[in-house]
Amino acid sequence: MHLQSICLFALSTAAGVLGAPQAAPSGPASGAELIRGVNLGGLFVLEPWITPSLFRQWEQAKNTTVVDEWHYCEALGKQECTNRLNRHWSSWVQESDISMLSQLHINTLRIPIGYWALAPNDAEPYVQGQMPFLRQILGWAARYRMRVILDLHGAPGSQNGFDNSGLRGDINWTKRPTDIPRTLDALAGLARIANESPSVVAVQAVNEPANWGVPKSTIIDFYIQAYTTIKAIAPQVAVMFHDAFLPTTEWAEIVPQNLTDSILDTHIYHVFDENVLRFSDEKHISKACQDGLNIGKFNQRTRTICGEFSLANTDCARWLNGFQKGARWDGTLPNSQPAQAGATCHLQEDMATWSQQKRSFMNRFAMAQFQAYEQGTGWIFWNFKTESADAWNYIKLAQNGIIPNPPIGRSFNVCR
């Protein structure tokens, strides 16, 4: 959930992902096919900015290594980590959340999970026990008639060095001979789970592999193996690939055409690029609308979906850039400059402190993004909720009228 891309587009039949009859990707999908989804982030892969309460005991520790799930469990030991994470897994996503999302007209859940839940190694500090909670959520998804995308969010050694991979720091995925086989084992596990639940319509091979740390050719070779592994077990599901932060024009040329039920995933954020961060409100909306035009163009060739985005126009969410790290917005992140004179993160997170002008912008920003991304096959918002970062909290934004309900992008007229 870092950096900036264009959107998420399918190389072939996203209609298959949606459980709808397959059709040639000759234009935008019909309303019945559109994905309107949220991510269940912060559940099976810890991110300090989503659930800061889990990391607060290390807040004052200087030079702490407890910045991700690996080091969280390492610091606590396996027994205490198991105890704490069982409490977290049983409370972070409740049936009431899924019921509320259904009332808010959400029809798809993307569920991030780490390889260690499916292909564990006793020598690593991670703990297991996620599966009963995952199956419980799949049951709720079926009850509320929601589709599910199972997303392998962390790979052995870390595919991007982000805390959302489970291990912040160096990018070491694929550097050991066991990394790819273990990743494929984890995907086989997700495919078997998909066979248990008709709600599962896609499996994501790996989230956000970094092309600056893993060669593009290696990523492509892995994707082909991942596709084969998943389809051999669960032929009914689509296979989702992230774009590795490469231009979509490159993927149009290099992804093998025989991967006929695949989706290419790319994520749009307005806060990790310092140039975009300095945009005025109107420029943020204009960018979203331009992204929609790009999606529309790709959709003439392939089905298209935007898989991660938010309403944030600052990176002020506490620890968004990493535990104990500051923000670009106010210049507290090392090697950054304030986005504008006097920029402050004070009162940015809590919507109760937002001015009417900011609330109005957020509402228009939401409608612009929904309208833009629905020129393709839909969207998946990051995140379903957070402890404190309100611009990333779909449920709270919708309950407070900032996100419209229903969020039918094609009914809005922000992008002209």
Protein backbone atom coordinates (compact mmCIF):
# COMPACT_ATOMS: atom_id res chain seq x y z
CA MET A 1 0.00 0.00 0.00
CA HIS A 2 2.76 2.38 -0.96
CA LEU A 3 3.84 4.55 -3.85
CA GLN A 4 1.67 5.57 -6.76
CA SER A 5 0.41 3.86 -9.86
CA ILE A 6 -2.43 4.19 -12.28
CA CYS A 7 -5.11 1.63 -11.33
CA LEU A 8 -5.77 -2.07 -11.47
CA PHE A 9 -6.64 -3.65 -14.78
CA ALA A 10 -7.58 -7.12 -15.88
CA LEU A 11 -5.70 -8.80 -18.65
CA SER A 12 -8.75 -10.76 -19.50
CA THR A 13 -12.10 -11.69 -18.04
CA ALA A 14 -12.72 -9.79 -14.84
CA ALA A 15 -16.30 -10.87 -15.34
CA GLY A 16 -15.10 -14.27 -14.20
CA VAL A 17 -13.73 -12.66 -11.06
CA LEU A 18 -17.10 -11.14 -10.39
CA GLY A 19 -18.99 -14.35 -10.81
CA ALA A 20 -20.85 -12.88 -13.78
CA PRO A 21 -21.14 -14.32 -17.28
CA GLN A 22 -17.93 -13.79 -19.22
CA ALA A 23 -18.00 -11.23 -22.01
CA ALA A 24 -15.51 -9.61 -24.33
CA PRO A 25 -13.82 -6.63 -22.63
CA SER A 26 -15.14 -4.11 -25.13
CA GLY A 27 -16.03 -1.35 -22.68
CA PRO A 28 -17.01 -0.55 -19.11
CA ALA A 29 -18.68 -3.34 -17.21
CA SER A 30 -22.38 -3.23 -16.51
CA GLY A 31 -23.55 -2.05 -13.11
CA ALA A 32 -24.28 -5.62 -12.03
CA GLU A 33 -20.66 -6.60 -12.58
CA LEU A 34 -18.96 -3.71 -10.78
CA ILE A 35 -16.78 -4.44 -7.79
CA ARG A 36 -17.34 -2.01 -4.93
CA GLY A 37 -15.04 -3.34 -2.25
CA VAL A 38 -12.91 -2.72 0.79
CA ASN A 39 -9.70 -4.24 2.11
CA LEU A 40 -9.67 -5.96 5.51
CA GLY A 41 -6.19 -4.61 6.23
CA GLY A 42 -4.45 -4.78 9.59
CA LEU A 43 -5.96 -8.16 10.47
CA PHE A 44 -3.62 -10.98 9.45
CA VAL A 45 -0.69 -8.69 8.60
CA LEU A 46 -0.05 -6.04 11.24
CA GLU A 47 0.51 -2.43 10.19
CA PRO A 48 1.31 -0.06 13.08
CA TRP A 49 -0.58 2.86 11.54
CA ILE A 50 -3.81 0.87 11.21
CA THR A 51 -3.79 -0.51 14.77
CA PRO A 52 -1.33 1.70 16.73
CA SER A 53 -2.61 0.32 20.04
CA LEU A 54 -0.78 -2.96 19.38
CA PHE A 55 2.57 -1.15 19.15
CA ARG A 56 2.11 1.56 21.76
CA GLN A 57 4.27 -0.12 24.41
CA TRP A 58 7.32 0.51 22.19
CA GLU A 59 6.36 4.08 21.31
CA GLN A 60 8.94 5.71 23.58
CA ALA A 61 11.69 3.17 22.94
CA LYS A 62 14.58 4.68 21.03
CA ASN A 63 15.86 2.73 18.03
CA THR A 64 13.31 -0.02 18.59
CA THR A 65 13.24 -2.87 16.10
CA VAL A 66 9.56 -3.59 16.83
CA VAL A 67 8.26 -2.07 13.60
CA ASP A 68 6.39 -4.98 11.96
CA GLU A 69 4.81 -8.35 12.72
CA TRP A 70 8.10 -10.27 12.55
CA HIS A 71 9.70 -8.12 15.24
CA TYR A 72 6.45 -7.81 17.21
CA CYS A 73 6.38 -11.57 17.70
CA GLU A 74 10.14 -11.73 18.19
CA ALA A 75 9.93 -9.21 21.04
CA LEU A 76 6.99 -10.88 22.75
CA GLY A 77 7.93 -14.52 22.23
CA LYS A 78 5.66 -17.00 20.52
CA GLN A 79 3.32 -17.70 23.42
CA GLU A 80 2.57 -14.08 24.27
CA CYS A 81 2.42 -13.14 20.59
CA THR A 82 -0.09 -15.93 20.04
CA ASN A 83 -2.17 -14.73 22.98
CA ARG A 84 -2.23 -11.13 21.79
CA LEU A 85 -2.86 -11.92 18.15
CA ASN A 86 -5.68 -14.32 19.00
CA ARG A 87 -7.35 -11.45 20.85
CA HIS A 88 -6.72 -9.20 17.86
CA TRP A 89 -7.94 -11.71 15.25
CA SER A 90 -11.12 -12.30 17.24
CA SER A 91 -11.94 -8.60 17.59
CA TRP A 92 -10.62 -6.56 14.65
CA VAL A 93 -13.18 -7.89 12.14
CA GLN A 94 -16.60 -8.64 13.60
CA GLU A 95 -19.75 -9.88 11.90
CA SER A 96 -21.20 -6.46 12.69
CA ASP A 97 -18.52 -4.93 10.45
CA ILE A 98 -19.46 -7.19 7.55
CA SER A 99 -23.15 -6.50 8.14
CA MET A 100 -22.49 -2.75 8.15
CA LEU A 101 -20.42 -2.99 4.96
CA SER A 102 -23.29 -4.84 3.33
CA GLN A 103 -25.66 -2.05 4.38
CA LEU A 104 -23.19 0.39 2.83
CA HIS A 105 -23.51 -1.54 -0.47
CA ILE A 106 -20.03 -3.06 -0.40
CA ASN A 107 -19.99 -6.31 -2.39
CA THR A 108 -16.33 -7.44 -2.26
CA LEU A 109 -13.78 -8.06 0.50
CA ARG A 110 -10.04 -8.25 -0.21
CA ILE A 111 -8.34 -10.11 2.65
CA PRO A 112 -4.56 -9.66 3.04
CA ILE A 113 -2.67 -12.52 4.70
CA GLY A 114 1.00 -13.43 5.13
CA TYR A 115 2.80 -16.53 3.89
CA TRP A 116 3.59 -17.54 7.48
CA ALA A 117 -0.07 -18.38 8.10
CA LEU A 118 0.07 -21.02 5.34
CA ALA A 119 3.72 -22.10 5.00
CA PRO A 120 5.19 -21.68 8.50
CA ASN A 121 8.77 -22.22 9.59
CA ASP A 122 9.43 -22.80 13.30
CA ALA A 123 12.72 -20.91 13.02
CA GLU A 124 10.81 -17.70 12.25
CA PRO A 125 9.14 -15.69 15.04
CA TYR A 126 5.73 -15.56 13.35
CA VAL A 127 2.83 -17.45 14.92
CA GLN A 128 -0.10 -19.30 13.40
CA GLY A 129 -3.79 -19.73 14.19
CA GLN A 130 -5.25 -17.43 11.54
CA MET A 131 -7.24 -20.05 9.64
CA PRO A 132 -10.28 -20.39 11.93
CA PHE A 133 -10.73 -16.63 11.85
CA LEU A 134 -10.32 -16.50 8.07
CA ARG A 135 -12.91 -19.23 7.62
CA GLN A 136 -15.24 -17.36 9.96
CA ILE A 137 -14.98 -14.26 7.75
CA LEU A 138 -15.61 -16.37 4.65
CA GLY A 139 -18.77 -17.63 6.32
CA TRP A 140 -19.90 -14.08 7.01
CA ALA A 141 -19.10 -13.11 3.43
CA ALA A 142 -21.35 -15.91 2.20
CA ARG A 143 -24.09 -14.87 4.62
CA TYR A 144 -24.05 -11.31 3.31
CA ARG A 145 -23.53 -12.37 -0.31
CA MET A 146 -20.10 -10.79 -0.68
CA ARG A 147 -17.27 -11.84 -2.96
CA VAL A 148 -13.77 -12.40 -1.54
CA ILE A 149 -10.27 -11.89 -2.94
CA LEU A 150 -7.56 -13.72 -0.97
CA ASP A 151 -4.40 -11.63 -1.13
CA LEU A 152 -0.94 -12.98 -0.27
CA HIS A 153 0.32 -9.75 1.28
CA GLY A 154 3.68 -10.93 2.59
CA ALA A 155 6.26 -13.26 1.02
CA PRO A 156 9.38 -14.88 2.57
CA GLY A 157 12.19 -12.36 2.98
CA SER A 158 9.85 -9.45 2.12
CA GLN A 159 8.95 -8.65 -1.47
CA ASN A 160 9.11 -4.88 -0.93
CA GLY A 161 10.69 -4.00 2.42
CA PHE A 162 7.45 -2.41 3.65
CA ASP A 163 6.00 -3.22 7.07
CA ASN A 164 2.88 -4.44 5.28
CA SER A 165 4.91 -7.42 4.03
CA GLY A 166 5.42 -8.51 7.63
CA LEU A 167 9.12 -7.54 7.63
CA ARG A 168 10.32 -3.96 7.15
CA GLY A 169 13.79 -3.31 5.75
CA ASP A 170 15.70 -5.10 3.02
CA ILE A 171 14.02 -6.76 0.04
CA ASN A 172 15.21 -10.36 0.22
CA TRP A 173 12.37 -12.28 -1.43
CA THR A 174 13.65 -14.69 -4.14
CA LYS A 175 17.27 -14.44 -2.88
CA ARG A 176 17.10 -17.82 -1.12
CA PRO A 177 16.32 -21.03 -3.01
CA THR A 178 13.41 -21.76 -0.67
CA ASP A 179 11.60 -18.43 -1.13
CA ILE A 180 9.67 -19.16 -4.33
CA PRO A 181 8.69 -22.72 -3.30
CA ARG A 182 7.42 -21.45 0.07
CA THR A 183 5.46 -18.68 -1.63
CA LEU A 184 3.90 -21.22 -3.98
CA ASP A 185 3.07 -23.46 -1.01
CA ALA A 186 1.26 -20.53 0.59
CA LEU A 187 -0.67 -19.88 -2.62
CA ALA A 188 -1.61 -23.55 -2.83
CA GLY A 189 -3.02 -23.18 0.66
CA LEU A 190 -5.09 -20.17 -0.39
CA ALA A 191 -6.31 -22.07 -3.44
CA ARG A 192 -7.47 -24.95 -1.23
CA ILE A 193 -9.33 -22.47 0.96
CA ALA A 194 -10.92 -21.02 -2.18
CA ASN A 195 -12.25 -24.48 -2.96
CA GLU A 196 -13.98 -24.53 0.44
CA SER A 197 -15.80 -21.25 -0.15
CA PRO A 198 -17.71 -20.24 -3.28
CA SER A 199 -17.41 -16.64 -2.08
CA VAL A 200 -13.72 -16.62 -3.07
CA VAL A 201 -13.47 -15.36 -6.64
CA ALA A 202 -9.74 -14.54 -6.90
CA VAL A 203 -6.35 -15.21 -5.31
CA GLN A 204 -3.60 -12.60 -5.47
CA ALA A 205 -0.13 -14.03 -6.17
CA VAL A 206 1.74 -11.48 -4.05
CA ASN A 207 1.08 -7.90 -3.06
CA GLU A 208 3.30 -5.08 -4.33
CA PRO A 209 6.57 -6.81 -5.27
CA ALA A 210 9.14 -4.04 -5.71
CA ASN A 211 10.76 -3.93 -9.15
CA TRP A 212 13.74 -2.04 -7.67
CA GLY A 213 14.51 -5.00 -5.41
CA VAL A 214 13.40 -7.98 -7.50
CA PRO A 215 14.16 -8.18 -11.24
CA LYS A 216 11.15 -7.83 -13.49
CA SER A 217 11.98 -11.10 -15.23
CA THR A 218 11.99 -12.90 -11.87
CA ILE A 219 8.60 -11.45 -10.98
CA ILE A 220 7.13 -12.52 -14.32
CA ASP A 221 8.52 -16.04 -14.00
CA PHE A 222 7.03 -16.27 -10.52
CA TYR A 223 3.65 -15.04 -11.74
CA ILE A 224 3.53 -17.80 -14.35
CA GLN A 225 4.32 -20.40 -11.67
CA ALA A 226 1.76 -18.84 -9.33
CA TYR A 227 -0.93 -18.94 -12.01
CA THR A 228 -0.22 -22.61 -12.70
CA THR A 229 -0.20 -23.50 -9.00
CA ILE A 230 -3.46 -21.74 -8.18
CA LYS A 231 -5.34 -22.89 -11.28
CA ALA A 232 -4.28 -26.52 -10.78
CA ILE A 233 -6.08 -26.53 -7.43
CA ALA A 234 -8.87 -23.97 -7.89
CA PRO A 235 -9.55 -23.57 -11.62
CA GLN A 236 -12.68 -21.52 -10.93
CA VAL A 237 -10.87 -18.52 -9.41
CA ALA A 238 -9.05 -15.71 -11.17
CA VAL A 239 -5.39 -14.99 -10.39
CA MET A 240 -4.44 -11.43 -9.50
CA PHE A 241 -1.00 -9.94 -10.18
CA HIS A 242 0.35 -6.63 -8.90
CA ASP A 243 2.14 -4.43 -11.44
CA ALA A 244 5.34 -4.22 -9.34
CA PHE A 245 5.11 -0.42 -9.68
CA LEU A 246 5.83 -0.66 -13.40
CA PRO A 247 3.84 1.23 -16.07
CA THR A 248 0.80 -0.64 -17.29
CA THR A 249 2.05 -0.23 -20.85
CA GLU A 250 4.89 -2.61 -20.00
CA TRP A 251 2.52 -5.25 -18.67
CA ALA A 252 0.43 -5.14 -21.82
CA GLU A 253 3.49 -6.38 -23.68
CA ILE A 254 5.05 -8.87 -21.29
CA VAL A 255 2.26 -10.79 -19.57
CA PRO A 256 1.73 -14.07 -21.43
CA GLN A 257 -1.56 -14.05 -23.27
CA ASN A 258 -2.28 -17.64 -22.28
CA LEU A 259 -2.90 -16.52 -18.69
CA THR A 260 -6.50 -16.12 -19.71
CA ASP A 261 -8.08 -15.60 -16.29
CA SER A 262 -5.67 -13.12 -14.73
CA ILE A 263 -5.91 -9.60 -13.32
CA LEU A 264 -3.12 -7.06 -13.06
CA ASP A 265 -3.23 -5.11 -9.79
CA THR A 266 -1.96 -1.55 -9.33
CA HIS A 267 -2.70 0.94 -6.55
CA ILE A 268 -3.44 4.69 -6.53
CA TYR A 269 -2.43 6.90 -3.61
CA HIS A 270 -2.06 10.67 -3.47
CA VAL A 271 0.25 10.87 -0.45
CA PHE A 272 3.51 9.01 -1.14
CA ASP A 273 4.69 11.24 -4.00
CA GLU A 274 5.83 14.67 -2.76
CA ASN A 275 4.73 16.36 -5.98
CA VAL A 276 1.19 14.96 -5.76
CA LEU A 277 1.12 15.73 -2.03
CA ARG A 278 1.46 19.43 -2.86
CA PHE A 279 -1.60 19.42 -5.13
CA SER A 280 -4.49 21.73 -4.41
CA ASP A 281 -7.86 20.13 -3.67
CA GLU A 282 -8.94 20.68 -7.26
CA LYS A 283 -5.76 19.12 -8.64
CA HIS A 284 -6.31 16.01 -6.51
CA ILE A 285 -9.78 15.68 -8.01
CA SER A 286 -8.47 16.41 -11.50
CA LYS A 287 -5.85 13.67 -11.10
CA ALA A 288 -8.51 11.17 -10.02
CA CYS A 289 -10.59 12.06 -13.06
CA GLN A 290 -7.58 11.70 -15.35
CA ASP A 291 -6.91 8.27 -13.86
CA GLY A 292 -10.47 7.43 -14.84
CA LEU A 293 -9.77 8.37 -18.44
CA ASN A 294 -6.72 6.10 -18.39
CA ILE A 295 -8.81 3.30 -16.96
CA GLY A 296 -11.37 3.80 -19.70
CA LYS A 297 -8.67 3.48 -22.35
CA PHE A 298 -7.29 0.27 -20.82
CA ASN A 299 -10.81 -1.02 -20.51
CA GLN A 300 -11.17 -1.00 -24.28
CA ARG A 301 -8.60 -3.80 -24.29
CA THR A 302 -9.09 -5.40 -20.90
CA ARG A 303 -11.32 -5.19 -17.87
CA THR A 304 -9.99 -2.69 -15.33
CA ILE A 305 -10.26 -2.23 -11.55
CA CYS A 306 -8.60 0.08 -9.02
CA GLY A 307 -7.57 -2.16 -6.15
CA GLU A 308 -6.29 0.18 -3.41
CA PHE A 309 -6.96 3.87 -2.76
CA SER A 310 -8.14 6.14 0.06
CA LEU A 311 -9.40 9.67 0.68
CA ALA A 312 -6.12 10.80 2.25
CA ASN A 313 -4.49 13.88 0.71
CA THR A 314 -1.79 14.04 3.40
CA ASP A 315 0.45 11.33 4.87
CA CYS A 316 -0.32 12.54 8.40
CA ALA A 317 -1.83 9.27 9.61
CA ARG A 318 0.42 8.40 12.52
CA TRP A 319 3.15 5.92 11.50
CA LEU A 320 1.76 5.64 7.96
CA ASN A 321 5.34 5.79 6.67
CA GLY A 322 6.55 3.31 9.29
CA PHE A 323 6.55 2.94 13.07
CA GLN A 324 8.11 6.01 14.73
CA LYS A 325 8.52 7.71 11.34
CA GLY A 326 7.14 11.16 10.57
CA ALA A 327 5.33 12.61 7.58
CA ARG A 328 6.24 14.28 4.32
CA TRP A 329 3.37 16.71 4.80
CA ASP A 330 4.99 18.55 7.71
CA GLY A 331 8.59 17.66 6.89
CA THR A 332 9.08 15.33 9.88
CA LEU A 333 9.92 12.34 7.67
CA PRO A 334 13.71 12.29 7.16
CA ASN A 335 14.88 13.90 3.91
CA SER A 336 11.52 15.57 3.27
CA GLN A 337 10.37 19.18 3.13
CA PRO A 338 6.96 20.47 4.28
CA ALA A 339 4.41 20.29 1.48
CA GLN A 340 3.56 23.95 2.01
CA ALA A 341 4.51 26.78 4.33
CA GLY A 342 3.21 26.12 7.82
CA ALA A 343 2.02 22.60 6.99
CA THR A 344 1.09 20.70 10.14
CA CYS A 345 -0.30 17.28 10.89
CA HIS A 346 -2.15 18.62 13.94
CA LEU A 347 -5.87 17.77 13.73
CA GLN A 348 -5.49 15.98 10.38
CA GLU A 349 -6.45 12.44 11.48
CA ASP A 350 -9.70 12.96 13.40
CA MET A 351 -12.67 13.89 11.23
CA ALA A 352 -14.29 15.58 14.24
CA THR A 353 -11.72 18.35 13.78
CA TRP A 354 -12.13 18.67 10.00
CA SER A 355 -13.44 21.95 8.68
CA GLN A 356 -16.56 22.04 6.52
CA GLN A 357 -14.29 22.86 3.59
CA LYS A 358 -12.21 19.72 4.18
CA ARG A 359 -15.31 17.56 4.62
CA SER A 360 -16.73 18.94 1.38
CA PHE A 361 -13.46 18.19 -0.43
CA MET A 362 -13.36 14.65 0.95
CA ASN A 363 -16.91 14.06 -0.26
CA ARG A 364 -16.08 15.30 -3.77
CA PHE A 365 -12.79 13.36 -3.75
CA ALA A 366 -14.68 10.16 -2.91
CA MET A 367 -17.25 10.71 -5.65
CA ALA A 368 -14.55 11.61 -8.18
CA GLN A 369 -12.61 8.42 -7.48
CA PHE A 370 -15.68 6.19 -7.54
CA GLN A 371 -16.84 7.80 -10.79
CA ALA A 372 -13.37 7.52 -12.32
CA TYR A 373 -12.68 3.92 -11.37
CA GLU A 374 -16.15 2.79 -12.44
CA GLN A 375 -15.17 3.58 -16.00
CA GLY A 376 -13.59 0.17 -15.57
CA THR A 377 -14.83 -2.70 -13.45
CA GLY A 378 -14.83 -1.01 -10.05
CA TRP A 379 -12.68 -0.38 -6.98
CA ILE A 380 -11.48 -1.66 -3.58
CA PHE A 381 -10.94 0.96 -0.84
CA TRP A 382 -8.10 0.78 1.70
CA ASN A 383 -9.20 0.27 4.48
CA PHE A 384 -12.50 -0.99 5.91
CA LYS A 385 -11.61 0.73 9.19
CA THR A 386 -8.68 2.08 11.23
CA GLU A 387 -8.20 2.93 14.88
CA SER A 388 -7.47 6.61 14.26
CA ALA A 389 -6.69 7.46 10.61
CA ASP A 390 -10.14 8.60 9.53
CA ALA A 391 -9.35 9.38 5.87
CA TRP A 392 -8.63 5.65 5.48
CA ASN A 393 -11.70 4.40 7.42
CA TYR A 394 -14.46 3.46 4.97
CA ILE A 395 -17.10 2.62 7.57
CA LYS A 396 -16.62 5.84 9.54
CA LEU A 397 -16.45 7.97 6.39
CA ALA A 398 -19.70 6.46 5.13
CA GLN A 399 -21.47 6.66 8.48
CA ASN A 400 -20.63 10.37 8.62
CA GLY A 401 -21.87 11.11 5.12
CA ILE A 402 -18.48 11.81 3.57
CA ILE A 403 -18.64 8.68 1.44
CA PRO A 404 -22.07 8.48 -0.22
CA ASN A 405 -24.32 5.50 0.37
CA PRO A 406 -24.80 3.82 -2.01
CA PRO A 407 -21.37 4.57 -3.52
CA ILE A 408 -22.52 4.32 -7.13
CA GLY A 409 -19.78 6.13 -9.02
CA ARG A 410 -21.68 6.21 -12.28
CA SER A 411 -24.40 8.31 -10.64
CA PHE A 412 -21.95 11.09 -9.75
CA ASN A 413 -20.96 14.02 -11.94
CA VAL A 414 -17.71 15.31 -10.44
CA CYS A 415 -15.55 14.31 -13.41
CA ARG A 416 -16.84 16.05 -16.54
